[in-house]
Amino acid sequence: MPIARVMTREGDPQELERQYRVVAGRMNEQPLADGLVAHIALKRPNGIQVINVWESLEQSQAAFERPEFQEALREAGMSPSEIQPEDVEVMNVRTG
């Protein structure tokens, strides 16, 4: 069953965007994680929101636990414990 892993962080939008760009830049250097359907990063008035759609919850969790991802978080100045994702069942995904 597809799921969306939604990560919302509030705070200084410029700092959160800097952290996002560090993590995204490092992950863009890696092969795409198995099961990733879509990645969406949103600017919010009080922070950022990242939504990843996965083929399964297991693939989502495996990607989160990848050493490369954990290292990218630390490089950006974040702790994995700061990320409190919400997993939501996906009813439909349509891409153009």
N, C-alpha and C. Protein backbone atom coordinates (compact mmCIF):
# COMPACT_ATOMS: atom_id res chain seq x y z
N MET A 1 0.84 -1.17 0.00
CA MET A 1 0.00 0.00 0.00
C MET A 1 0.89 1.24 0.00
N PRO A 2 0.68 2.18 -0.92
CA PRO A 2 1.49 3.40 -0.94
C PRO A 2 1.22 4.27 0.29
N ILE A 3 2.27 4.93 0.74
CA ILE A 3 2.12 5.86 1.85
C ILE A 3 2.85 7.16 1.52
N ALA A 4 2.41 8.23 2.16
CA ALA A 4 3.13 9.50 2.10
C ALA A 4 3.76 9.72 3.46
N ARG A 5 5.03 10.01 3.46
CA ARG A 5 5.72 10.37 4.70
C ARG A 5 5.84 11.88 4.69
N VAL A 6 5.15 12.52 5.62
CA VAL A 6 5.08 13.98 5.68
C VAL A 6 5.94 14.46 6.84
N MET A 7 6.89 15.34 6.53
CA MET A 7 7.77 15.90 7.55
C MET A 7 7.60 17.41 7.55
N THR A 8 7.13 17.95 8.66
CA THR A 8 6.89 19.38 8.80
C THR A 8 7.83 19.93 9.86
N ARG A 9 8.53 21.00 9.53
CA ARG A 9 9.42 21.64 10.50
C ARG A 9 9.10 23.12 10.52
N GLU A 10 9.00 23.66 11.73
CA GLU A 10 8.74 25.08 11.91
C GLU A 10 9.98 25.74 12.47
N GLY A 11 10.14 27.02 12.12
CA GLY A 11 11.29 27.77 12.58
C GLY A 11 11.67 28.80 11.54
N ASP A 12 12.92 29.23 11.61
CA ASP A 12 13.45 30.23 10.67
C ASP A 12 13.43 29.64 9.26
N PRO A 13 12.58 30.17 8.38
CA PRO A 13 12.47 29.59 7.03
C PRO A 13 13.79 29.54 6.27
N GLN A 14 14.64 30.56 6.44
CA GLN A 14 15.92 30.57 5.72
C GLN A 14 16.84 29.45 6.22
N GLU A 15 16.89 29.25 7.53
CA GLU A 15 17.74 28.19 8.09
C GLU A 15 17.20 26.82 7.70
N LEU A 16 15.89 26.65 7.77
CA LEU A 16 15.30 25.36 7.39
C LEU A 16 15.52 25.06 5.91
N GLU A 17 15.44 26.10 5.07
CA GLU A 17 15.71 25.89 3.65
C GLU A 17 17.18 25.53 3.43
N ARG A 18 18.09 26.16 4.17
CA ARG A 18 19.52 25.82 4.06
C ARG A 18 19.72 24.36 4.44
N GLN A 19 19.12 23.93 5.55
CA GLN A 19 19.26 22.54 5.98
C GLN A 19 18.69 21.59 4.92
N TYR A 20 17.52 21.94 4.38
CA TYR A 20 16.92 21.10 3.34
C TYR A 20 17.86 20.98 2.15
N ARG A 21 18.43 22.09 1.72
CA ARG A 21 19.29 22.06 0.53
C ARG A 21 20.55 21.22 0.77
N VAL A 22 21.08 21.23 1.98
CA VAL A 22 22.23 20.38 2.30
C VAL A 22 21.83 18.91 2.16
N VAL A 23 20.73 18.54 2.80
CA VAL A 23 20.28 17.14 2.76
C VAL A 23 19.93 16.74 1.33
N ALA A 24 19.15 17.57 0.63
CA ALA A 24 18.74 17.24 -0.73
C ALA A 24 19.95 17.13 -1.66
N GLY A 25 20.90 18.03 -1.49
CA GLY A 25 22.10 17.97 -2.33
C GLY A 25 22.87 16.69 -2.13
N ARG A 26 23.01 16.27 -0.88
CA ARG A 26 23.72 15.02 -0.60
C ARG A 26 22.95 13.81 -1.14
N MET A 27 21.63 13.83 -0.99
CA MET A 27 20.84 12.68 -1.45
C MET A 27 20.78 12.64 -2.97
N ASN A 28 20.85 13.78 -3.62
CA ASN A 28 20.86 13.79 -5.09
C ASN A 28 22.13 13.16 -5.66
N GLU A 29 23.16 13.05 -4.84
CA GLU A 29 24.40 12.40 -5.25
C GLU A 29 24.30 10.87 -5.16
N GLN A 30 23.26 10.37 -4.50
CA GLN A 30 23.07 8.94 -4.26
C GLN A 30 22.08 8.36 -5.26
N PRO A 31 22.13 7.06 -5.46
CA PRO A 31 21.07 6.42 -6.26
C PRO A 31 19.71 6.65 -5.59
N LEU A 32 18.69 6.77 -6.40
CA LEU A 32 17.34 6.97 -5.88
C LEU A 32 16.95 5.79 -5.00
N ALA A 33 16.37 6.09 -3.86
CA ALA A 33 15.96 5.03 -2.92
C ALA A 33 14.87 4.17 -3.55
N ASP A 34 14.95 2.87 -3.30
CA ASP A 34 13.93 1.95 -3.81
C ASP A 34 12.55 2.33 -3.30
N GLY A 35 11.60 2.39 -4.22
CA GLY A 35 10.21 2.61 -3.83
C GLY A 35 9.76 4.05 -3.79
N LEU A 36 10.68 5.01 -4.02
CA LEU A 36 10.28 6.42 -4.00
C LEU A 36 9.48 6.73 -5.25
N VAL A 37 8.26 7.23 -5.06
CA VAL A 37 7.36 7.58 -6.16
C VAL A 37 7.44 9.06 -6.47
N ALA A 38 7.46 9.90 -5.42
CA ALA A 38 7.48 11.35 -5.61
C ALA A 38 8.11 12.02 -4.39
N HIS A 39 8.78 13.14 -4.63
CA HIS A 39 9.38 13.95 -3.57
C HIS A 39 8.92 15.38 -3.80
N ILE A 40 8.34 15.98 -2.78
CA ILE A 40 7.82 17.35 -2.88
C ILE A 40 8.32 18.12 -1.67
N ALA A 41 8.93 19.27 -1.90
CA ALA A 41 9.38 20.14 -0.80
C ALA A 41 8.63 21.46 -0.93
N LEU A 42 8.02 21.87 0.18
CA LEU A 42 7.18 23.06 0.19
C LEU A 42 7.72 24.10 1.16
N LYS A 43 7.71 25.38 0.74
CA LYS A 43 7.98 26.48 1.65
C LYS A 43 6.66 26.83 2.33
N ARG A 44 6.72 26.97 3.64
CA ARG A 44 5.55 27.36 4.41
C ARG A 44 5.86 28.71 5.06
N PRO A 45 4.85 29.48 5.43
CA PRO A 45 5.12 30.78 6.05
C PRO A 45 5.98 30.67 7.31
N ASN A 46 5.86 29.57 8.03
CA ASN A 46 6.60 29.42 9.28
C ASN A 46 7.56 28.23 9.25
N GLY A 47 7.96 27.78 8.06
CA GLY A 47 8.89 26.65 7.98
C GLY A 47 8.85 25.96 6.63
N ILE A 48 9.05 24.66 6.67
CA ILE A 48 9.03 23.86 5.44
C ILE A 48 8.26 22.57 5.69
N GLN A 49 7.86 21.96 4.58
CA GLN A 49 7.20 20.66 4.65
C GLN A 49 7.73 19.82 3.49
N VAL A 50 8.10 18.59 3.80
CA VAL A 50 8.60 17.67 2.79
C VAL A 50 7.66 16.47 2.77
N ILE A 51 7.22 16.11 1.56
CA ILE A 51 6.32 14.97 1.39
C ILE A 51 6.98 14.00 0.42
N ASN A 52 7.19 12.79 0.89
CA ASN A 52 7.71 11.73 0.04
C ASN A 52 6.64 10.66 -0.08
N VAL A 53 6.34 10.26 -1.30
CA VAL A 53 5.38 9.18 -1.53
C VAL A 53 6.19 7.93 -1.84
N TRP A 54 5.85 6.86 -1.12
CA TRP A 54 6.57 5.59 -1.22
C TRP A 54 5.61 4.48 -1.60
N GLU A 55 6.16 3.45 -2.25
CA GLU A 55 5.37 2.27 -2.60
C GLU A 55 4.93 1.52 -1.35
N SER A 56 5.72 1.60 -0.27
CA SER A 56 5.35 0.89 0.96
C SER A 56 5.98 1.58 2.16
N LEU A 57 5.41 1.31 3.32
CA LEU A 57 5.94 1.84 4.57
C LEU A 57 7.34 1.29 4.83
N GLU A 58 7.56 0.03 4.49
CA GLU A 58 8.87 -0.59 4.71
C GLU A 58 9.96 0.12 3.90
N GLN A 59 9.67 0.48 2.65
CA GLN A 59 10.65 1.18 1.82
C GLN A 59 10.91 2.58 2.37
N SER A 60 9.87 3.22 2.87
CA SER A 60 10.03 4.54 3.47
C SER A 60 10.96 4.47 4.67
N GLN A 61 10.72 3.52 5.54
CA GLN A 61 11.54 3.38 6.74
C GLN A 61 12.98 3.02 6.39
N ALA A 62 13.16 2.14 5.41
CA ALA A 62 14.51 1.76 4.99
C ALA A 62 15.28 2.98 4.46
N ALA A 63 14.61 3.84 3.71
CA ALA A 63 15.26 5.04 3.18
C ALA A 63 15.64 5.99 4.31
N PHE A 64 14.77 6.13 5.30
CA PHE A 64 15.04 7.01 6.43
C PHE A 64 16.26 6.51 7.21
N GLU A 65 16.42 5.21 7.28
CA GLU A 65 17.52 4.62 8.04
C GLU A 65 18.82 4.49 7.25
N ARG A 66 18.79 4.83 5.96
CA ARG A 66 20.02 4.75 5.15
C ARG A 66 21.14 5.55 5.79
N PRO A 67 22.33 4.99 5.91
CA PRO A 67 23.45 5.74 6.49
C PRO A 67 23.70 7.06 5.76
N GLU A 68 23.52 7.08 4.44
CA GLU A 68 23.75 8.31 3.67
C GLU A 68 22.77 9.41 4.08
N PHE A 69 21.53 9.03 4.35
CA PHE A 69 20.53 10.01 4.78
C PHE A 69 20.84 10.51 6.19
N GLN A 70 21.17 9.58 7.08
CA GLN A 70 21.50 9.96 8.45
C GLN A 70 22.71 10.90 8.48
N GLU A 71 23.72 10.60 7.66
CA GLU A 71 24.91 11.44 7.58
C GLU A 71 24.57 12.82 7.02
N ALA A 72 23.69 12.88 6.01
CA ALA A 72 23.28 14.16 5.43
C ALA A 72 22.55 15.01 6.47
N LEU A 73 21.72 14.38 7.29
CA LEU A 73 21.04 15.13 8.35
C LEU A 73 22.06 15.75 9.30
N ARG A 74 23.03 14.95 9.73
CA ARG A 74 24.04 15.45 10.66
C ARG A 74 24.84 16.58 10.01
N GLU A 75 25.18 16.42 8.73
CA GLU A 75 25.94 17.46 8.02
C GLU A 75 25.16 18.78 7.98
N ALA A 76 23.84 18.68 7.90
CA ALA A 76 22.99 19.87 7.86
C ALA A 76 22.77 20.46 9.25
N GLY A 77 23.28 19.78 10.28
CA GLY A 77 23.12 20.27 11.64
C GLY A 77 21.84 19.80 12.29
N MET A 78 21.31 18.68 11.83
CA MET A 78 20.06 18.14 12.37
C MET A 78 20.31 16.77 12.99
N SER A 79 19.48 16.44 13.93
CA SER A 79 19.50 15.12 14.53
C SER A 79 18.34 14.32 13.96
N PRO A 80 18.53 13.04 13.66
CA PRO A 80 17.41 12.23 13.17
C PRO A 80 16.21 12.27 14.11
N SER A 81 16.45 12.46 15.41
CA SER A 81 15.33 12.50 16.36
C SER A 81 14.49 13.77 16.20
N GLU A 82 15.03 14.80 15.52
CA GLU A 82 14.26 16.02 15.26
C GLU A 82 13.19 15.80 14.20
N ILE A 83 13.39 14.79 13.38
CA ILE A 83 12.45 14.52 12.29
C ILE A 83 11.35 13.62 12.84
N GLN A 84 10.16 14.12 12.89
CA GLN A 84 9.01 13.36 13.38
C GLN A 84 8.02 13.19 12.23
N PRO A 85 8.27 12.22 11.34
CA PRO A 85 7.40 12.07 10.18
C PRO A 85 6.03 11.52 10.54
N GLU A 86 5.07 11.91 9.74
CA GLU A 86 3.73 11.36 9.84
C GLU A 86 3.50 10.52 8.59
N ASP A 87 3.11 9.27 8.76
CA ASP A 87 2.84 8.38 7.64
C ASP A 87 1.34 8.38 7.37
N VAL A 88 0.98 8.65 6.11
CA VAL A 88 -0.42 8.79 5.72
C VAL A 88 -0.68 7.88 4.52
N GLU A 89 -1.76 7.14 4.56
CA GLU A 89 -2.12 6.27 3.44
C GLU A 89 -2.45 7.12 2.21
N VAL A 90 -1.92 6.70 1.08
CA VAL A 90 -2.14 7.41 -0.19
C VAL A 90 -3.31 6.76 -0.92
N MET A 91 -4.25 7.59 -1.34
CA MET A 91 -5.39 7.09 -2.11
C MET A 91 -5.09 7.13 -3.61
N ASN A 92 -4.31 8.13 -4.06
CA ASN A 92 -4.07 8.29 -5.48
C ASN A 92 -2.84 9.16 -5.69
N VAL A 93 -2.04 8.82 -6.68
CA VAL A 93 -0.93 9.65 -7.12
C VAL A 93 -1.04 9.76 -8.63
N ARG A 94 -0.97 10.98 -9.10
CA ARG A 94 -1.00 11.21 -10.54
C ARG A 94 0.12 12.15 -10.89
N THR A 95 0.93 11.77 -11.85
CA THR A 95 2.03 12.63 -12.29
C THR A 95 1.83 12.92 -13.78
N GLY A 96 2.38 14.03 -14.20
CA GLY A 96 2.15 14.46 -15.57
C GLY A 96 3.26 14.25 -16.48
